[in-house]
N, C-alpha and C. Protein backbone atom coordinates (compact mmCIF):
# COMPACT_ATOMS: atom_id res chain seq x y z
N GLY A 1 32.59 -40.02 -12.89
CA GLY A 1 32.01 -40.89 -12.13
C GLY A 1 32.80 -41.96 -11.41
N ASN A 2 34.06 -41.86 -11.19
CA ASN A 2 34.91 -42.90 -10.41
C ASN A 2 34.95 -42.45 -9.00
N CYS A 3 34.25 -41.46 -8.55
CA CYS A 3 34.50 -41.11 -7.06
C CYS A 3 33.80 -42.13 -6.17
N LYS A 4 34.63 -42.59 -5.34
CA LYS A 4 34.14 -43.58 -4.32
C LYS A 4 33.72 -42.90 -3.08
N GLY A 5 32.55 -43.11 -2.57
CA GLY A 5 32.11 -42.53 -1.34
C GLY A 5 32.57 -43.47 -0.13
N CYS A 6 31.81 -43.33 0.99
CA CYS A 6 32.17 -44.09 2.12
C CYS A 6 31.85 -45.53 1.99
N CYS A 7 32.47 -46.41 2.46
CA CYS A 7 32.28 -47.86 2.40
C CYS A 7 32.63 -48.44 1.03
N GLY A 8 33.39 -47.67 0.18
CA GLY A 8 33.88 -48.10 -1.09
C GLY A 8 32.82 -48.15 -2.25
N ARG A 9 31.69 -47.62 -2.00
CA ARG A 9 30.56 -47.57 -3.05
C ARG A 9 30.78 -46.28 -3.99
N ARG A 10 30.33 -46.30 -5.10
CA ARG A 10 30.37 -45.11 -5.99
C ARG A 10 29.43 -44.05 -5.49
N ALA A 11 30.00 -42.82 -5.42
CA ALA A 11 29.16 -41.67 -4.91
C ALA A 11 28.29 -41.09 -6.06
N PHE A 12 28.79 -41.18 -7.19
CA PHE A 12 27.97 -40.67 -8.33
C PHE A 12 27.78 -41.59 -9.46
N ASN A 13 26.60 -41.52 -10.07
CA ASN A 13 26.35 -42.48 -11.20
C ASN A 13 26.52 -41.83 -12.54
N GLY A 14 26.78 -40.63 -12.67
CA GLY A 14 26.96 -40.05 -13.92
C GLY A 14 25.63 -39.61 -14.64
N THR A 15 24.57 -39.45 -13.92
CA THR A 15 23.31 -39.13 -14.56
C THR A 15 23.16 -37.58 -14.77
N ALA A 16 22.22 -37.28 -15.67
CA ALA A 16 22.04 -35.86 -15.92
C ALA A 16 21.42 -35.00 -14.73
N VAL A 17 20.73 -35.73 -13.85
CA VAL A 17 20.24 -35.05 -12.68
C VAL A 17 21.33 -34.71 -11.78
N GLU A 18 22.41 -35.63 -11.54
CA GLU A 18 23.50 -35.32 -10.85
C GLU A 18 24.30 -34.23 -11.40
N ALA A 19 24.46 -34.22 -12.71
CA ALA A 19 25.22 -33.10 -13.33
C ALA A 19 24.50 -31.67 -13.14
N PHE A 20 23.13 -31.81 -13.31
CA PHE A 20 22.40 -30.63 -13.08
C PHE A 20 22.57 -30.04 -11.62
N LEU A 21 22.42 -31.00 -10.64
CA LEU A 21 22.45 -30.66 -9.26
C LEU A 21 23.88 -30.10 -8.96
N ALA A 22 24.91 -30.63 -9.46
CA ALA A 22 26.28 -30.15 -9.26
C ALA A 22 26.45 -28.73 -9.75
N VAL A 23 25.94 -28.58 -11.02
CA VAL A 23 26.03 -27.27 -11.71
C VAL A 23 25.11 -26.21 -10.99
N PHE A 24 24.02 -26.68 -10.60
CA PHE A 24 23.05 -25.74 -9.82
C PHE A 24 23.64 -25.30 -8.51
N GLY A 25 24.21 -26.29 -7.81
CA GLY A 25 24.85 -25.97 -6.49
C GLY A 25 26.08 -25.01 -6.58
N THR A 26 26.87 -25.39 -7.57
CA THR A 26 27.97 -24.53 -7.86
C THR A 26 27.75 -23.13 -8.25
N ALA A 27 26.60 -23.00 -9.16
CA ALA A 27 26.13 -21.65 -9.50
C ALA A 27 25.50 -20.82 -8.35
N LEU A 28 24.89 -21.57 -7.42
CA LEU A 28 24.30 -20.86 -6.21
C LEU A 28 25.48 -20.38 -5.34
N VAL A 29 26.53 -21.21 -5.26
CA VAL A 29 27.66 -20.83 -4.44
C VAL A 29 28.19 -19.57 -4.98
N GLY A 30 28.49 -19.59 -6.35
CA GLY A 30 28.96 -18.44 -7.07
C GLY A 30 28.07 -17.22 -6.99
N PHE A 31 26.84 -17.40 -6.88
CA PHE A 31 25.90 -16.37 -6.94
C PHE A 31 25.91 -15.65 -5.51
N GLY A 32 26.05 -16.44 -4.51
CA GLY A 32 26.25 -15.89 -3.17
C GLY A 32 27.61 -15.23 -2.92
N ALA A 33 28.61 -15.87 -3.54
CA ALA A 33 30.04 -15.39 -3.26
C ALA A 33 30.31 -14.16 -4.13
N ALA A 34 29.50 -13.92 -5.23
CA ALA A 34 29.91 -12.83 -6.17
C ALA A 34 29.79 -11.51 -5.43
N GLU A 35 28.83 -11.37 -4.67
CA GLU A 35 28.68 -10.02 -3.93
C GLU A 35 29.57 -9.96 -2.60
N VAL A 36 30.06 -11.05 -2.12
CA VAL A 36 30.94 -11.13 -0.99
C VAL A 36 32.28 -10.55 -1.26
N ILE A 37 32.79 -10.82 -2.38
CA ILE A 37 34.01 -10.41 -2.90
C ILE A 37 34.06 -8.85 -3.05
N PRO A 38 34.76 -8.04 -2.30
CA PRO A 38 34.60 -6.57 -2.35
C PRO A 38 35.31 -5.99 -3.64
N MET A 39 34.72 -4.95 -4.18
CA MET A 39 35.33 -4.33 -5.33
C MET A 39 36.46 -3.41 -4.87
N GLY A 40 36.46 -2.89 -3.65
CA GLY A 40 37.56 -2.12 -3.14
C GLY A 40 37.33 -0.56 -3.20
N PHE A 41 36.75 -0.11 -4.39
CA PHE A 41 36.61 1.30 -4.47
C PHE A 41 35.10 1.70 -4.48
N ALA A 42 34.27 0.66 -4.32
CA ALA A 42 32.69 1.01 -4.24
C ALA A 42 32.28 -0.07 -3.15
N SER A 43 30.98 0.23 -2.78
CA SER A 43 30.40 -0.61 -1.78
C SER A 43 29.72 -1.84 -2.31
N THR A 44 29.77 -2.01 -3.62
CA THR A 44 29.13 -3.27 -4.06
C THR A 44 30.22 -4.31 -4.21
N GLY A 45 29.75 -5.55 -4.66
CA GLY A 45 30.64 -6.68 -4.85
C GLY A 45 31.45 -6.58 -6.20
N LEU A 46 32.44 -7.29 -6.30
CA LEU A 46 33.29 -7.28 -7.53
C LEU A 46 32.48 -7.81 -8.81
N PHE A 47 31.70 -8.84 -8.46
CA PHE A 47 30.87 -9.43 -9.63
C PHE A 47 29.47 -9.17 -9.60
N GLN A 48 28.78 -9.14 -10.72
CA GLN A 48 27.31 -9.07 -10.79
C GLN A 48 26.85 -10.53 -10.63
N PRO A 49 26.16 -10.83 -9.67
CA PRO A 49 25.81 -12.31 -9.35
C PRO A 49 25.04 -12.98 -10.48
N GLU A 50 23.94 -12.33 -11.04
CA GLU A 50 23.21 -12.88 -12.24
C GLU A 50 24.09 -13.19 -13.40
N LEU A 51 25.03 -12.22 -13.71
CA LEU A 51 25.88 -12.47 -14.83
C LEU A 51 26.91 -13.48 -14.54
N PHE A 52 27.37 -13.72 -13.35
CA PHE A 52 28.24 -14.77 -12.91
C PHE A 52 27.70 -16.06 -13.16
N VAL A 53 26.41 -16.25 -12.86
CA VAL A 53 25.67 -17.57 -13.01
C VAL A 53 25.46 -17.77 -14.53
N ILE A 54 25.22 -16.78 -15.36
CA ILE A 54 25.06 -16.96 -16.84
C ILE A 54 26.38 -17.35 -17.42
N ILE A 55 27.48 -16.76 -16.99
CA ILE A 55 28.82 -17.09 -17.56
C ILE A 55 29.17 -18.48 -16.93
N PHE A 56 28.84 -18.88 -15.86
CA PHE A 56 29.08 -20.14 -15.44
C PHE A 56 28.47 -21.29 -16.19
N GLY A 57 27.05 -21.13 -16.37
CA GLY A 57 26.40 -21.93 -17.28
C GLY A 57 26.91 -22.06 -18.68
N SER A 58 27.31 -20.93 -19.25
CA SER A 58 27.95 -20.93 -20.56
C SER A 58 29.19 -21.79 -20.52
N CYS A 59 30.10 -21.63 -19.54
CA CYS A 59 31.38 -22.38 -19.41
C CYS A 59 30.96 -23.88 -19.24
N PHE A 60 30.04 -24.23 -18.52
CA PHE A 60 29.68 -25.63 -18.35
C PHE A 60 29.12 -26.25 -19.74
N ALA A 61 28.38 -25.43 -20.40
CA ALA A 61 27.87 -26.00 -21.77
C ALA A 61 29.05 -26.14 -22.75
N HIS A 62 30.10 -25.35 -22.56
CA HIS A 62 31.17 -25.37 -23.47
C HIS A 62 32.04 -26.61 -23.21
N TYR A 63 32.29 -26.92 -21.94
CA TYR A 63 33.27 -27.99 -21.53
C TYR A 63 32.66 -29.34 -21.23
N ALA A 64 31.22 -29.31 -21.13
CA ALA A 64 30.61 -30.72 -20.87
C ALA A 64 30.56 -31.65 -21.88
N ASP A 65 30.43 -32.85 -21.59
CA ASP A 65 30.32 -33.89 -22.56
C ASP A 65 28.91 -33.74 -23.25
N HIS A 66 28.92 -33.99 -24.54
CA HIS A 66 27.75 -33.84 -25.25
C HIS A 66 26.48 -34.55 -24.71
N VAL A 67 26.61 -35.82 -24.34
CA VAL A 67 25.55 -36.68 -23.82
C VAL A 67 25.10 -36.04 -22.42
N VAL A 68 26.01 -35.72 -21.53
CA VAL A 68 25.64 -35.11 -20.25
C VAL A 68 24.96 -33.80 -20.43
N LEU A 69 25.45 -32.97 -21.41
CA LEU A 69 24.82 -31.71 -21.64
C LEU A 69 23.39 -31.88 -22.14
N GLU A 70 23.22 -32.76 -22.98
CA GLU A 70 21.86 -33.00 -23.61
C GLU A 70 20.96 -33.49 -22.51
N GLY A 71 21.40 -34.33 -21.63
CA GLY A 71 20.65 -34.81 -20.47
C GLY A 71 20.24 -33.62 -19.56
N VAL A 72 21.17 -32.80 -19.25
CA VAL A 72 20.98 -31.61 -18.42
C VAL A 72 19.86 -30.68 -19.09
N GLU A 73 20.02 -30.40 -20.40
CA GLU A 73 19.12 -29.67 -21.11
C GLU A 73 17.63 -30.15 -21.01
N LYS A 74 17.50 -31.41 -21.19
CA LYS A 74 16.17 -32.15 -21.02
C LYS A 74 15.66 -31.95 -19.67
N PHE A 75 16.42 -32.12 -18.67
CA PHE A 75 16.01 -31.97 -17.28
C PHE A 75 15.66 -30.55 -16.97
N VAL A 76 16.40 -29.62 -17.33
CA VAL A 76 16.08 -28.21 -17.12
C VAL A 76 14.87 -27.74 -17.87
N SER A 77 14.64 -28.26 -19.11
CA SER A 77 13.64 -27.80 -19.94
C SER A 77 12.21 -28.36 -19.23
N SER A 78 12.34 -29.54 -18.63
CA SER A 78 11.11 -29.94 -17.85
C SER A 78 10.75 -29.22 -16.66
N ILE A 79 11.78 -28.61 -15.98
CA ILE A 79 11.64 -27.81 -14.75
C ILE A 79 11.23 -26.27 -15.28
N TRP A 80 11.77 -25.83 -16.40
CA TRP A 80 11.58 -24.57 -16.89
C TRP A 80 10.11 -24.17 -17.27
N VAL A 81 9.33 -25.31 -17.52
CA VAL A 81 7.92 -25.07 -17.78
C VAL A 81 7.24 -24.29 -16.67
N PHE A 82 7.50 -24.73 -15.43
CA PHE A 82 6.91 -24.22 -14.23
C PHE A 82 7.69 -22.85 -13.80
N GLY A 83 9.00 -22.83 -14.00
CA GLY A 83 9.78 -21.72 -13.73
C GLY A 83 9.32 -20.46 -14.58
N ARG A 84 9.03 -20.64 -15.86
CA ARG A 84 8.68 -19.70 -16.80
C ARG A 84 7.32 -19.01 -16.25
N ILE A 85 6.35 -19.84 -15.80
CA ILE A 85 5.14 -19.33 -15.32
C ILE A 85 5.39 -18.37 -14.14
N ILE A 86 6.15 -18.86 -13.28
CA ILE A 86 6.48 -18.09 -12.01
C ILE A 86 7.18 -16.81 -12.37
N LEU A 87 8.27 -16.92 -13.13
CA LEU A 87 9.05 -15.75 -13.52
C LEU A 87 8.27 -14.67 -14.15
N PHE A 88 7.48 -14.98 -15.16
CA PHE A 88 6.79 -13.93 -15.83
C PHE A 88 5.48 -13.48 -15.12
N SER A 89 5.06 -14.34 -14.19
CA SER A 89 3.98 -13.89 -13.25
C SER A 89 4.54 -12.82 -12.35
N LEU A 90 5.73 -13.14 -11.74
CA LEU A 90 6.35 -12.10 -10.85
C LEU A 90 6.74 -10.84 -11.61
N LEU A 91 7.28 -10.93 -12.88
CA LEU A 91 7.65 -9.71 -13.51
C LEU A 91 6.43 -8.90 -13.90
N GLY A 92 5.26 -9.42 -14.31
CA GLY A 92 4.03 -8.78 -14.65
C GLY A 92 3.35 -8.27 -13.40
N SER A 93 3.61 -8.78 -12.25
CA SER A 93 2.73 -8.40 -11.05
C SER A 93 3.06 -7.14 -10.55
N ARG A 94 4.24 -6.47 -10.84
CA ARG A 94 4.70 -5.36 -10.37
C ARG A 94 4.67 -4.19 -11.36
N THR A 95 3.96 -4.49 -12.54
CA THR A 95 3.87 -3.53 -13.58
C THR A 95 2.80 -2.48 -13.37
N THR A 96 3.07 -1.23 -13.46
CA THR A 96 2.15 -0.24 -13.32
C THR A 96 2.18 0.75 -14.54
N LEU A 97 1.14 1.46 -14.68
CA LEU A 97 1.05 2.39 -15.92
C LEU A 97 1.81 3.67 -15.67
N ASP A 98 2.32 3.97 -14.44
CA ASP A 98 2.90 5.35 -14.25
C ASP A 98 4.28 5.25 -14.77
N VAL A 99 4.73 4.18 -15.36
CA VAL A 99 6.10 4.21 -16.06
C VAL A 99 5.98 4.94 -17.33
N PHE A 100 4.79 5.04 -17.93
CA PHE A 100 4.60 5.72 -19.24
C PHE A 100 4.79 7.19 -19.08
N THR A 101 4.66 7.70 -17.88
CA THR A 101 4.80 9.15 -17.84
C THR A 101 6.36 9.63 -18.01
N TRP A 102 7.18 8.64 -17.86
CA TRP A 102 8.75 8.87 -18.13
C TRP A 102 9.12 8.72 -19.61
N PHE A 103 8.16 8.27 -20.37
CA PHE A 103 8.48 8.04 -21.74
C PHE A 103 9.17 9.22 -22.53
N PRO A 104 8.61 10.33 -22.42
CA PRO A 104 9.12 11.54 -23.10
C PRO A 104 10.73 11.80 -22.86
N SER A 105 11.07 11.55 -21.61
CA SER A 105 12.37 11.70 -21.19
C SER A 105 13.33 10.58 -21.47
N VAL A 106 12.80 9.38 -21.63
CA VAL A 106 13.60 8.20 -21.66
C VAL A 106 13.77 7.72 -23.20
N VAL A 107 12.78 7.94 -24.05
CA VAL A 107 12.80 7.48 -25.38
C VAL A 107 13.96 8.10 -26.14
N PRO A 108 14.27 9.43 -26.05
CA PRO A 108 15.56 10.00 -26.70
C PRO A 108 16.78 9.30 -26.23
N ILE A 109 16.93 8.94 -25.02
CA ILE A 109 18.17 8.25 -24.48
C ILE A 109 18.19 6.85 -25.11
N MET A 110 17.05 6.22 -25.14
CA MET A 110 16.96 4.90 -25.78
C MET A 110 17.39 4.90 -27.18
N ALA A 111 16.87 5.90 -27.85
CA ALA A 111 17.11 6.06 -29.36
C ALA A 111 18.68 6.19 -29.58
N VAL A 112 19.32 7.02 -28.79
CA VAL A 112 20.75 7.26 -28.93
C VAL A 112 21.43 5.98 -28.66
N GLY A 113 21.10 5.20 -27.67
CA GLY A 113 21.71 4.00 -27.31
C GLY A 113 21.55 2.91 -28.45
N VAL A 114 20.36 2.91 -29.10
CA VAL A 114 20.13 1.90 -30.09
C VAL A 114 21.01 2.33 -31.38
N LEU A 115 21.01 3.61 -31.50
CA LEU A 115 21.79 4.22 -32.72
C LEU A 115 23.18 3.92 -32.61
N CYS A 116 23.78 4.15 -31.42
CA CYS A 116 25.21 3.82 -31.14
C CYS A 116 25.50 2.32 -31.24
N ARG A 117 24.61 1.46 -30.82
CA ARG A 117 24.72 0.09 -30.96
C ARG A 117 24.81 -0.30 -32.42
N PHE A 118 23.87 0.25 -33.22
CA PHE A 118 23.87 0.03 -34.66
C PHE A 118 25.03 0.37 -35.36
N LEU A 119 25.56 1.70 -35.01
CA LEU A 119 26.79 2.10 -35.67
C LEU A 119 27.97 1.26 -35.27
N GLY A 120 28.00 0.75 -34.02
CA GLY A 120 29.10 -0.19 -33.65
C GLY A 120 29.05 -1.39 -34.49
N VAL A 121 27.94 -2.07 -34.73
CA VAL A 121 27.77 -3.20 -35.58
C VAL A 121 28.21 -2.91 -37.01
N VAL A 122 27.83 -1.83 -37.51
CA VAL A 122 28.06 -1.40 -38.90
C VAL A 122 29.62 -1.22 -39.18
N ILE A 123 30.32 -0.53 -38.08
CA ILE A 123 31.71 -0.28 -38.08
C ILE A 123 32.44 -1.57 -38.01
N ALA A 124 32.01 -2.39 -37.19
CA ALA A 124 32.64 -3.83 -37.00
C ALA A 124 32.51 -4.61 -38.32
N GLY A 125 31.36 -4.44 -38.96
CA GLY A 125 31.21 -5.20 -40.23
C GLY A 125 32.05 -4.54 -41.33
N PHE A 126 32.23 -3.28 -41.29
CA PHE A 126 33.21 -2.67 -42.32
C PHE A 126 34.57 -3.02 -42.08
N LEU A 127 35.06 -3.14 -40.75
CA LEU A 127 36.36 -3.50 -40.40
C LEU A 127 36.63 -4.95 -40.91
N LEU A 128 35.59 -5.75 -40.77
CA LEU A 128 35.67 -7.16 -41.22
C LEU A 128 35.85 -7.30 -42.69
N ARG A 129 35.27 -6.31 -43.37
CA ARG A 129 35.40 -6.30 -44.86
C ARG A 129 36.78 -6.05 -45.27
N LEU A 130 37.50 -5.17 -44.51
CA LEU A 130 38.93 -4.82 -44.74
C LEU A 130 39.90 -6.00 -44.43
N THR A 131 39.44 -6.88 -43.60
CA THR A 131 40.40 -7.96 -43.20
C THR A 131 40.45 -8.91 -44.33
N PRO A 132 41.77 -9.16 -44.80
CA PRO A 132 41.94 -10.17 -45.90
C PRO A 132 41.70 -11.59 -45.42
N GLY A 133 41.09 -12.31 -46.35
CA GLY A 133 40.79 -13.73 -46.09
C GLY A 133 39.54 -13.97 -45.23
N ARG A 134 38.85 -12.93 -44.89
CA ARG A 134 37.57 -13.07 -44.12
C ARG A 134 36.45 -13.11 -45.02
N LYS A 135 35.41 -13.91 -44.66
CA LYS A 135 34.12 -13.96 -45.50
C LYS A 135 33.50 -12.50 -45.38
N LYS A 136 33.02 -11.95 -46.56
CA LYS A 136 32.47 -10.59 -46.61
C LYS A 136 31.07 -10.66 -45.83
N THR A 137 30.76 -9.53 -45.02
CA THR A 137 29.52 -9.49 -44.35
C THR A 137 28.52 -8.90 -45.22
N THR A 138 27.30 -9.23 -44.98
CA THR A 138 26.18 -8.70 -45.86
C THR A 138 25.22 -7.89 -44.95
N ALA A 139 24.46 -7.02 -45.60
CA ALA A 139 23.49 -6.14 -44.86
C ALA A 139 22.53 -7.01 -43.98
N PRO A 140 21.93 -8.11 -44.46
CA PRO A 140 21.12 -9.01 -43.51
C PRO A 140 21.88 -9.51 -42.47
N GLY A 141 23.12 -9.88 -42.62
CA GLY A 141 23.99 -10.45 -41.61
C GLY A 141 24.31 -9.39 -40.53
N LEU A 142 24.47 -8.20 -41.02
CA LEU A 142 24.78 -7.01 -40.02
C LEU A 142 23.41 -6.75 -39.18
N LEU A 143 22.37 -6.81 -39.89
CA LEU A 143 21.09 -6.46 -39.22
C LEU A 143 20.82 -7.60 -38.20
N PHE A 144 21.10 -8.87 -38.51
CA PHE A 144 20.93 -9.94 -37.52
C PHE A 144 21.81 -9.74 -36.37
N CYS A 145 23.10 -9.34 -36.58
CA CYS A 145 24.05 -9.11 -35.45
C CYS A 145 23.57 -7.98 -34.58
N PHE A 146 23.00 -6.93 -35.22
CA PHE A 146 22.44 -5.80 -34.49
C PHE A 146 21.28 -6.20 -33.54
N LEU A 147 20.31 -7.00 -34.19
CA LEU A 147 19.19 -7.50 -33.41
C LEU A 147 19.54 -8.36 -32.35
N CYS A 148 20.63 -9.18 -32.52
CA CYS A 148 21.14 -10.07 -31.48
C CYS A 148 21.78 -9.33 -30.29
N SER A 149 22.25 -8.18 -30.60
CA SER A 149 22.97 -7.37 -29.48
C SER A 149 21.82 -6.51 -28.61
N LEU A 150 20.66 -6.54 -29.05
CA LEU A 150 19.60 -5.83 -28.22
C LEU A 150 19.31 -6.61 -26.99
N PRO A 151 19.10 -5.95 -25.85
CA PRO A 151 18.90 -6.65 -24.59
C PRO A 151 17.45 -7.39 -24.71
N ARG A 152 17.30 -8.51 -23.98
CA ARG A 152 16.16 -9.23 -23.86
C ARG A 152 15.43 -9.01 -22.54
N ALA A 153 14.11 -9.27 -22.48
CA ALA A 153 13.37 -8.97 -21.21
C ALA A 153 13.80 -9.82 -20.04
N THR A 154 14.15 -11.08 -20.24
CA THR A 154 14.49 -11.90 -19.07
C THR A 154 15.73 -11.34 -18.40
N ILE A 155 16.69 -10.93 -19.09
CA ILE A 155 17.99 -10.45 -18.51
C ILE A 155 17.60 -9.06 -17.87
N GLN A 156 16.76 -8.21 -18.60
CA GLN A 156 16.50 -6.94 -18.00
C GLN A 156 15.64 -7.19 -16.81
N GLY A 157 14.83 -8.15 -16.72
CA GLY A 157 14.01 -8.47 -15.49
C GLY A 157 14.80 -8.90 -14.39
N ALA A 158 15.91 -9.55 -14.66
CA ALA A 158 16.78 -10.04 -13.62
C ALA A 158 17.68 -8.88 -13.08
N LEU A 159 18.19 -8.09 -14.02
CA LEU A 159 19.11 -7.08 -13.68
C LEU A 159 18.61 -5.64 -13.62
N GLY A 160 17.38 -5.52 -14.09
CA GLY A 160 16.81 -4.11 -14.27
C GLY A 160 16.69 -3.32 -12.93
N SER A 161 16.43 -4.02 -11.77
CA SER A 161 16.14 -3.36 -10.54
C SER A 161 17.47 -3.11 -9.79
N LYS A 162 18.54 -3.61 -10.23
CA LYS A 162 19.84 -3.50 -9.55
C LYS A 162 20.27 -1.99 -9.28
N PRO A 163 20.12 -1.14 -10.34
CA PRO A 163 20.59 0.26 -9.97
C PRO A 163 19.73 0.92 -8.93
N ALA A 164 18.50 0.68 -8.93
CA ALA A 164 17.52 1.31 -7.82
C ALA A 164 17.92 0.60 -6.54
N GLN A 165 18.13 -0.71 -6.48
CA GLN A 165 18.59 -1.31 -5.17
C GLN A 165 19.87 -0.89 -4.63
N MET A 166 20.74 -0.45 -5.51
CA MET A 166 22.00 0.04 -5.16
C MET A 166 22.06 1.52 -4.86
N SER A 167 20.84 2.08 -4.92
CA SER A 167 20.64 3.60 -4.72
C SER A 167 21.55 4.45 -5.71
N LEU A 168 21.82 4.07 -6.88
CA LEU A 168 22.42 4.87 -7.84
C LEU A 168 21.72 6.04 -8.26
N PHE A 169 20.37 6.07 -8.14
CA PHE A 169 19.67 7.22 -8.59
C PHE A 169 19.00 7.89 -7.41
N ALA A 170 19.66 7.83 -6.19
CA ALA A 170 19.03 8.32 -4.87
C ALA A 170 18.88 9.80 -4.97
N GLY A 171 19.70 10.60 -5.61
CA GLY A 171 19.65 12.02 -5.54
C GLY A 171 18.62 12.58 -6.63
N LEU A 172 18.12 11.65 -7.55
CA LEU A 172 17.23 12.19 -8.52
C LEU A 172 15.75 11.93 -8.13
N SER A 173 14.97 12.86 -8.47
CA SER A 173 13.52 12.79 -8.30
C SER A 173 12.76 12.88 -9.49
N PRO A 174 11.71 12.18 -9.62
CA PRO A 174 10.93 12.22 -10.96
C PRO A 174 10.29 13.65 -11.02
N LYS A 175 10.31 14.09 -12.38
CA LYS A 175 9.74 15.43 -12.65
C LYS A 175 8.24 15.45 -12.88
């Protein structure tokens, strides 16, 4: 907050709203710039914009002062009440029942993915047990780690349509 604006007056007061607006503005710039930076070997951008914003927010939470972070959290939670209603209304408005016709072909793939994720967590837990000086992992702890690794609806809602938008499945037709 020592930034002096024009005429020698302070430009920022150090409030939570200012911190939120600075973080929000920077995240929006990153969101827009993420697709502008070319990957080189594909037609998409180098970064996934939604994940870029999530990473930026995590970095801000790690490096921000505790008081500022708490103020930003309170400000965002007051806005999120309305954002939540809009987000889940929009996600639910495009829901149709014809997605259930794909269940027989999708469920086995999902089961293999969940099984591989579970095996990865179990193997990591086993390797931690072999590490000297580490606290031993328990079955409930491993189950908790596994459940935490499963995707959530909000992230899926934000990223789920990207493969279709990028025409990754353009050659496939529903059976």
